[in-house]
Amino acid sequence: MALFKKRTVGKPGEWYYCLEHKKVEEGPDCPAKDRFGPYASRQEAERAMETAAERNVDWETDPRWHDRQEGPPPN
């Protein structure tokens, strides 16, 4: 008996952005490894790549995510 059921049909109102096909889809039509989501609206899913880029910039410039050590680097 499987512990997890494979989810083949999305819930109405769940939106995803497919990285493989570069399109918005309602419900998970493509494998999880190829999509972002779920999003609450089609408009949010349409902005998935912009949102990811903004989050990457936030992460890259957040000092909490970059450990700084005082003094010279270890030998």
N, C-alpha and C. Protein backbone atom coordinates (compact mmCIF):
# COMPACT_ATOMS: atom_id res chain seq x y z
N MET A 1 0.84 -1.18 0.00
CA MET A 1 0.00 0.00 0.00
C MET A 1 0.89 1.24 0.00
N ALA A 2 0.63 2.16 -0.89
CA ALA A 2 1.42 3.38 -1.01
C ALA A 2 1.09 4.33 0.13
N LEU A 3 2.12 4.99 0.62
CA LEU A 3 1.90 5.97 1.67
C LEU A 3 1.34 7.27 1.13
N PHE A 4 1.72 7.59 -0.09
CA PHE A 4 1.27 8.84 -0.68
C PHE A 4 0.57 8.53 -2.00
N LYS A 5 -0.58 9.15 -2.20
CA LYS A 5 -1.28 8.99 -3.46
C LYS A 5 -0.72 9.99 -4.46
N LYS A 6 -0.51 9.56 -5.68
CA LYS A 6 -0.07 10.46 -6.72
C LYS A 6 -1.24 11.36 -7.10
N ARG A 7 -1.01 12.64 -7.02
CA ARG A 7 -2.05 13.60 -7.33
C ARG A 7 -2.02 13.89 -8.82
N THR A 8 -3.06 13.53 -9.50
CA THR A 8 -3.09 13.71 -10.94
C THR A 8 -3.96 14.88 -11.38
N VAL A 9 -4.86 15.30 -10.56
CA VAL A 9 -5.77 16.38 -10.92
C VAL A 9 -5.63 17.51 -9.92
N GLY A 10 -5.50 18.72 -10.42
CA GLY A 10 -5.38 19.87 -9.54
C GLY A 10 -6.72 20.32 -9.01
N LYS A 11 -6.65 21.12 -7.99
CA LYS A 11 -7.87 21.70 -7.45
C LYS A 11 -8.26 22.90 -8.30
N PRO A 12 -9.55 23.14 -8.48
CA PRO A 12 -9.96 24.32 -9.22
C PRO A 12 -9.39 25.57 -8.55
N GLY A 13 -8.85 26.45 -9.35
CA GLY A 13 -8.29 27.68 -8.82
C GLY A 13 -6.82 27.60 -8.48
N GLU A 14 -6.18 26.44 -8.63
CA GLU A 14 -4.73 26.35 -8.45
C GLU A 14 -4.06 26.59 -9.79
N TRP A 15 -3.15 27.53 -9.82
CA TRP A 15 -2.47 27.89 -11.05
C TRP A 15 -0.99 27.60 -10.91
N TYR A 16 -0.38 27.15 -11.99
CA TYR A 16 1.03 26.80 -12.02
C TYR A 16 1.68 27.43 -13.25
N TYR A 17 3.00 27.61 -13.14
CA TYR A 17 3.76 28.04 -14.31
C TYR A 17 4.66 26.88 -14.69
N CYS A 18 4.52 26.36 -15.91
CA CYS A 18 5.31 25.24 -16.39
C CYS A 18 6.61 25.78 -16.97
N LEU A 19 7.73 25.34 -16.39
CA LEU A 19 9.05 25.78 -16.84
C LEU A 19 9.43 25.11 -18.17
N GLU A 20 8.92 23.94 -18.41
CA GLU A 20 9.22 23.20 -19.64
C GLU A 20 8.53 23.83 -20.85
N HIS A 21 7.23 24.14 -20.70
CA HIS A 21 6.45 24.67 -21.81
C HIS A 21 6.33 26.20 -21.79
N LYS A 22 6.82 26.80 -20.70
CA LYS A 22 6.78 28.26 -20.53
C LYS A 22 5.37 28.81 -20.71
N LYS A 23 4.44 28.18 -19.94
CA LYS A 23 3.04 28.63 -20.00
C LYS A 23 2.37 28.40 -18.66
N VAL A 24 1.28 29.09 -18.47
CA VAL A 24 0.47 28.98 -17.26
C VAL A 24 -0.55 27.87 -17.48
N GLU A 25 -0.75 27.06 -16.43
CA GLU A 25 -1.74 26.00 -16.53
C GLU A 25 -2.54 25.92 -15.23
N GLU A 26 -3.81 25.59 -15.36
CA GLU A 26 -4.64 25.40 -14.18
C GLU A 26 -4.58 23.93 -13.80
N GLY A 27 -4.21 23.69 -12.55
CA GLY A 27 -4.01 22.31 -12.12
C GLY A 27 -2.64 21.84 -12.55
N PRO A 28 -2.08 20.87 -11.86
CA PRO A 28 -0.73 20.41 -12.20
C PRO A 28 -0.74 19.45 -13.40
N ASP A 29 -0.64 19.97 -14.59
CA ASP A 29 -0.58 19.12 -15.78
C ASP A 29 0.81 18.51 -15.97
N CYS A 30 1.84 19.26 -15.61
CA CYS A 30 3.21 18.81 -15.80
C CYS A 30 3.80 18.34 -14.47
N PRO A 31 4.88 17.55 -14.52
CA PRO A 31 5.51 17.07 -13.29
C PRO A 31 5.98 18.21 -12.39
N ALA A 32 6.03 17.96 -11.10
CA ALA A 32 6.41 18.98 -10.12
C ALA A 32 7.79 19.55 -10.40
N LYS A 33 8.70 18.74 -10.91
CA LYS A 33 10.06 19.22 -11.18
C LYS A 33 10.09 20.28 -12.28
N ASP A 34 9.02 20.40 -13.05
CA ASP A 34 8.97 21.33 -14.17
C ASP A 34 8.04 22.51 -13.95
N ARG A 35 7.65 22.77 -12.70
CA ARG A 35 6.67 23.86 -12.52
C ARG A 35 6.90 24.63 -11.23
N PHE A 36 6.41 25.86 -11.23
CA PHE A 36 6.32 26.70 -10.03
C PHE A 36 4.86 26.75 -9.66
N GLY A 37 4.58 26.82 -8.35
CA GLY A 37 3.21 26.96 -7.92
C GLY A 37 2.89 26.03 -6.77
N PRO A 38 1.69 26.03 -6.30
CA PRO A 38 0.52 26.67 -6.89
C PRO A 38 0.43 28.15 -6.53
N TYR A 39 -0.23 28.88 -7.40
CA TYR A 39 -0.53 30.29 -7.20
C TYR A 39 -2.04 30.43 -7.06
N ALA A 40 -2.46 31.49 -6.40
CA ALA A 40 -3.88 31.70 -6.15
C ALA A 40 -4.62 32.22 -7.37
N SER A 41 -3.90 32.83 -8.31
CA SER A 41 -4.56 33.38 -9.49
C SER A 41 -3.70 33.18 -10.74
N ARG A 42 -4.34 33.28 -11.87
CA ARG A 42 -3.62 33.17 -13.14
C ARG A 42 -2.58 34.28 -13.26
N GLN A 43 -2.94 35.48 -12.80
CA GLN A 43 -2.02 36.61 -12.90
C GLN A 43 -0.74 36.38 -12.09
N GLU A 44 -0.88 35.79 -10.91
CA GLU A 44 0.31 35.48 -10.11
C GLU A 44 1.17 34.46 -10.83
N ALA A 45 0.56 33.45 -11.43
CA ALA A 45 1.32 32.43 -12.15
C ALA A 45 2.01 33.03 -13.38
N GLU A 46 1.36 33.99 -14.03
CA GLU A 46 1.97 34.64 -15.19
C GLU A 46 3.24 35.40 -14.80
N ARG A 47 3.31 35.86 -13.56
CA ARG A 47 4.47 36.60 -13.07
C ARG A 47 5.50 35.69 -12.38
N ALA A 48 5.38 34.40 -12.50
CA ALA A 48 6.23 33.45 -11.77
C ALA A 48 7.72 33.71 -11.99
N MET A 49 8.12 33.92 -13.22
CA MET A 49 9.54 34.13 -13.50
C MET A 49 10.03 35.46 -12.94
N GLU A 50 9.20 36.49 -13.01
CA GLU A 50 9.56 37.79 -12.42
C GLU A 50 9.67 37.68 -10.90
N THR A 51 8.72 36.98 -10.29
CA THR A 51 8.74 36.79 -8.85
C THR A 51 9.99 36.03 -8.43
N ALA A 52 10.36 35.00 -9.17
CA ALA A 52 11.56 34.23 -8.86
C ALA A 52 12.80 35.11 -8.98
N ALA A 53 12.88 35.94 -10.01
CA ALA A 53 14.03 36.83 -10.19
C ALA A 53 14.12 37.83 -9.04
N GLU A 54 12.98 38.39 -8.62
CA GLU A 54 12.97 39.33 -7.50
C GLU A 54 13.43 38.65 -6.21
N ARG A 55 12.97 37.44 -5.99
CA ARG A 55 13.38 36.70 -4.78
C ARG A 55 14.86 36.36 -4.82
N ASN A 56 15.39 36.05 -5.99
CA ASN A 56 16.82 35.77 -6.11
C ASN A 56 17.65 36.99 -5.75
N VAL A 57 17.22 38.16 -6.21
CA VAL A 57 17.93 39.40 -5.88
C VAL A 57 17.86 39.65 -4.38
N ASP A 58 16.69 39.47 -3.80
CA ASP A 58 16.53 39.64 -2.35
C ASP A 58 17.47 38.71 -1.59
N TRP A 59 17.54 37.46 -2.02
CA TRP A 59 18.39 36.49 -1.34
C TRP A 59 19.86 36.86 -1.51
N GLU A 60 20.27 37.24 -2.71
CA GLU A 60 21.67 37.56 -2.97
C GLU A 60 22.14 38.79 -2.22
N THR A 61 21.22 39.68 -1.89
CA THR A 61 21.61 40.92 -1.21
C THR A 61 21.27 40.93 0.27
N ASP A 62 20.76 39.83 0.80
CA ASP A 62 20.39 39.74 2.21
C ASP A 62 21.61 39.30 3.03
N PRO A 63 22.11 40.17 3.91
CA PRO A 63 23.31 39.82 4.68
C PRO A 63 23.10 38.65 5.64
N ARG A 64 21.87 38.35 5.99
CA ARG A 64 21.61 37.21 6.88
C ARG A 64 21.95 35.88 6.23
N TRP A 65 21.99 35.84 4.89
CA TRP A 65 22.26 34.59 4.20
C TRP A 65 23.72 34.42 3.80
N HIS A 66 24.53 35.42 4.12
CA HIS A 66 25.94 35.35 3.77
C HIS A 66 26.76 35.50 5.03
N ASP A 67 27.43 34.44 5.42
CA ASP A 67 28.26 34.46 6.61
C ASP A 67 29.53 35.24 6.33
N ARG A 68 29.80 36.20 7.17
CA ARG A 68 31.04 36.95 7.05
C ARG A 68 31.91 36.60 8.25
N GLN A 69 33.13 36.28 7.96
CA GLN A 69 34.05 35.96 9.02
C GLN A 69 35.02 37.12 9.18
N GLU A 70 35.31 37.44 10.42
CA GLU A 70 36.27 38.51 10.71
C GLU A 70 37.68 37.96 10.56
N GLY A 71 38.57 38.78 10.12
CA GLY A 71 39.98 38.39 10.04
C GLY A 71 40.29 37.67 8.74
N PRO A 72 41.55 37.17 8.66
CA PRO A 72 41.98 36.50 7.43
C PRO A 72 41.30 35.14 7.26
N PRO A 73 41.22 34.68 6.02
CA PRO A 73 40.59 33.36 5.79
C PRO A 73 41.41 32.25 6.44
N PRO A 74 40.76 31.17 6.81
CA PRO A 74 41.48 30.06 7.45
C PRO A 74 42.45 29.40 6.49
N ASN A 75 43.54 28.86 7.04
CA ASN A 75 44.56 28.20 6.19
C ASN A 75 44.16 26.81 5.84
